[in-house]
C-alpha atoms as a PDB file:
ATOM      1  CA  UNK A   1     126.925 110.653  70.512  1.00  0.00           C
ATOM      2  CA  UNK A   2     128.623 110.948  74.022  1.00  0.00           C
ATOM      3  CA  UNK A   3     128.492 108.844  77.110  1.00  0.00           C
ATOM      4  CA  UNK A   4     129.155 109.833  80.654  1.00  0.00           C
ATOM      5  CA  UNK A   5     131.517 107.291  82.640  1.00  0.00           C
ATOM      6  CA  UNK A   6     131.402 107.063  86.443  1.00  0.00           C
ATOM      7  CA  UNK A   7     133.713 104.923  88.524  1.00  0.00           C
ATOM      8  CA  UNK A   8     132.444 102.991  91.411  1.00  0.00           C
ATOM      9  CA  UNK A   9     132.965 104.073  94.895  1.00  0.00           C
ATOM     10  CA  UNK A  10     132.758 100.484  96.183  1.00  0.00           C
ATOM     11  CA  UNK A  11     134.447  98.366  93.521  1.00  0.00           C
ATOM     12  CA  UNK A  12     137.928  98.996  92.152  1.00  0.00           C
ATOM     13  CA  UNK A  13     138.062  99.151  88.310  1.00  0.00           C
ATOM     14  CA  UNK A  14     134.401  99.024  87.960  1.00  0.00           C
ATOM     15  CA  UNK A  15     132.742 101.839  85.608  1.00  0.00           C
ATOM     16  CA  UNK A  16     129.257 102.622  84.656  1.00  0.00           C
ATOM     17  CA  UNK A  17     128.417 104.288  81.379  1.00  0.00           C
ATOM     18  CA  UNK A  18     125.288 106.343  80.936  1.00  0.00           C
ATOM     19  CA  UNK A  19     124.003 108.595  78.230  1.00  0.00           C
ATOM     20  CA  UNK A  20     123.393 111.752  80.217  1.00  0.00           C
ATOM     21  CA  UNK A  21     125.270 113.284  83.078  1.00  0.00           C
ATOM     22  CA  UNK A  22     123.680 112.182  86.538  1.00  0.00           C
ATOM     23  CA  UNK A  23     120.844 110.386  84.848  1.00  0.00           C
ATOM     24  CA  UNK A  24     120.728 106.934  86.343  1.00  0.00           C
ATOM     25  CA  UNK A  25     116.964 106.450  85.742  1.00  0.00           C
ATOM     26  CA  UNK A  26     117.519 103.471  83.323  1.00  0.00           C
ATOM     27  CA  UNK A  27     120.045 101.742  85.755  1.00  0.00           C
ATOM     28  CA  UNK A  28     118.527  99.005  88.025  1.00  0.00           C
ATOM     29  CA  UNK A  29     118.383 100.014  91.680  1.00  0.00           C
ATOM     30  CA  UNK A  30     120.103  96.764  92.655  1.00  0.00           C
ATOM     31  CA  UNK A  31     123.129  97.657  90.414  1.00  0.00           C
ATOM     32  CA  UNK A  32     123.267 101.177  91.755  1.00  0.00           C
ATOM     33  CA  UNK A  33     123.240  99.964  95.318  1.00  0.00           C
ATOM     34  CA  UNK A  34     126.145  97.428  94.732  1.00  0.00           C
ATOM     35  CA  UNK A  35     127.977 100.048  92.561  1.00  0.00           C
ATOM     36  CA  UNK A  36     128.076 102.587  95.352  1.00  0.00           C
ATOM     37  CA  UNK A  37     128.232 106.382  94.887  1.00  0.00           C
ATOM     38  CA  UNK A  38     128.933 107.097  91.158  1.00  0.00           C
ATOM     39  CA  UNK A  39     132.063 109.320  90.898  1.00  0.00           C
ATOM     40  CA  UNK A  40     132.328 111.184  87.485  1.00  0.00           C
ATOM     41  CA  UNK A  41     135.432 109.901  85.572  1.00  0.00           C
ATOM     42  CA  UNK A  42     134.883 111.512  82.184  1.00  0.00           C
ATOM     43  CA  UNK A  43     132.599 112.430  79.332  1.00  0.00           C
ATOM     44  CA  UNK A  44     133.601 110.280  76.176  1.00  0.00           C
ATOM     45  CA  UNK A  45     132.698 110.662  72.504  1.00  0.00           C
ATOM     46  CA  UNK A  46     131.382 107.613  70.918  1.00  0.00           C
ATOM     47  CA  UNK A  47     132.094 108.776  67.477  1.00  0.00           C
ATOM     48  CA  UNK A  48     135.230 106.547  67.045  1.00  0.00           C
ATOM     49  CA  UNK A  49     137.617 109.479  67.258  1.00  0.00           C
ATOM     50  CA  UNK A  50     139.021 107.940  70.382  1.00  0.00           C
ATOM     51  CA  UNK A  51     139.300 104.438  71.751  1.00  0.00           C
ATOM     52  CA  UNK A  52     138.091 103.122  75.169  1.00  0.00           C
ATOM     53  CA  UNK A  53     140.850 101.233  77.026  1.00  0.00           C
ATOM     54  CA  UNK A  54     138.834  98.203  78.163  1.00  0.00           C
ATOM     55  CA  UNK A  55     135.559  98.270  76.212  1.00  0.00           C
ATOM     56  CA  UNK A  56     134.476  98.165  72.638  1.00  0.00           C
ATOM     57  CA  UNK A  57     132.692 101.302  71.416  1.00  0.00           C
ATOM     58  CA  UNK A  58     130.196  99.430  69.286  1.00  0.00           C
ATOM     59  CA  UNK A  59     129.238  97.250  72.366  1.00  0.00           C
ATOM     60  CA  UNK A  60     128.992 100.226  74.589  1.00  0.00           C
ATOM     61  CA  UNK A  61     126.712 102.135  72.060  1.00  0.00           C
ATOM     62  CA  UNK A  62     124.428  99.121  71.669  1.00  0.00           C
ATOM     63  CA  UNK A  63     124.061  98.613  75.503  1.00  0.00           C
ATOM     64  CA  UNK A  64     123.278 102.450  75.928  1.00  0.00           C
ATOM     65  CA  UNK A  65     120.705 102.366  73.261  1.00  0.00           C
ATOM     66  CA  UNK A  66     118.868  99.065  74.343  1.00  0.00           C
ATOM     67  CA  UNK A  67     119.222  99.118  78.188  1.00  0.00           C
ATOM     68  CA  UNK A  68     120.332 102.710  78.902  1.00  0.00           C
ATOM     69  CA  UNK A  69     123.696 101.756  80.657  1.00  0.00           C
ATOM     70  CA  UNK A  70     126.860  99.728  80.104  1.00  0.00           C
ATOM     71  CA  UNK A  71     128.702  98.193  83.146  1.00  0.00           C
ATOM     72  CA  UNK A  72     132.427  97.661  82.768  1.00  0.00           C
ATOM     73  CA  UNK A  73     133.808  95.184  85.231  1.00  0.00           C
ATOM     74  CA  UNK A  74     137.485  94.650  86.044  1.00  0.00           C
ATOM     75  CA  UNK A  75     139.456  92.053  84.180  1.00  0.00           C
ATOM     76  CA  UNK A  76     139.561  88.636  85.836  1.00  0.00           C
ATOM     77  CA  UNK A  77     142.778  88.089  87.886  1.00  0.00           C
ATOM     78  CA  UNK A  78     145.457  86.149  86.217  1.00  0.00           C
ATOM     79  CA  UNK A  79     145.831  82.543  87.386  1.00  0.00           C
ATOM     80  CA  UNK A  80     149.284  82.251  89.032  1.00  0.00           C
ATOM     81  CA  UNK A  81     149.098  78.586  88.481  1.00  0.00           C
ATOM     82  CA  UNK A  82     148.486  78.894  84.966  1.00  0.00           C
ATOM     83  CA  UNK A  83     151.262  81.377  84.545  1.00  0.00           C
ATOM     84  CA  UNK A  84     153.609  78.954  86.437  1.00  0.00           C
ATOM     85  CA  UNK A  85     152.699  76.013  84.229  1.00  0.00           C
ATOM     86  CA  UNK A  86     153.203  78.053  80.931  1.00  0.00           C
ATOM     87  CA  UNK A  87     156.620  79.157  82.248  1.00  0.00           C
ATOM     88  CA  UNK A  88     157.753  75.571  82.851  1.00  0.00           C
ATOM     89  CA  UNK A  89     156.384  74.410  79.390  1.00  0.00           C
ATOM     90  CA  UNK A  90     158.772  77.010  77.736  1.00  0.00           C
ATOM     91  CA  UNK A  91     161.847  75.630  79.549  1.00  0.00           C
END
């Protein structure tokens, strides 16, 4: 099984995974509108031979089977206050 990964033209570090190239028929229209023009990033095998950097392959496979797409959002920004507190605890 393969998936096709597109990056968002509107949102940094946001990716949309679909089963077939240029087939967004199962992706909600609202999501596509906020995602912007999909830009092909790569075609990726979901056979476990490679790892995804920021997503679990089993979660991606399940989402593709059940809803027809997987949306990868950017990681939350690190809290500078939390980092500052943690650094002072170590001293």
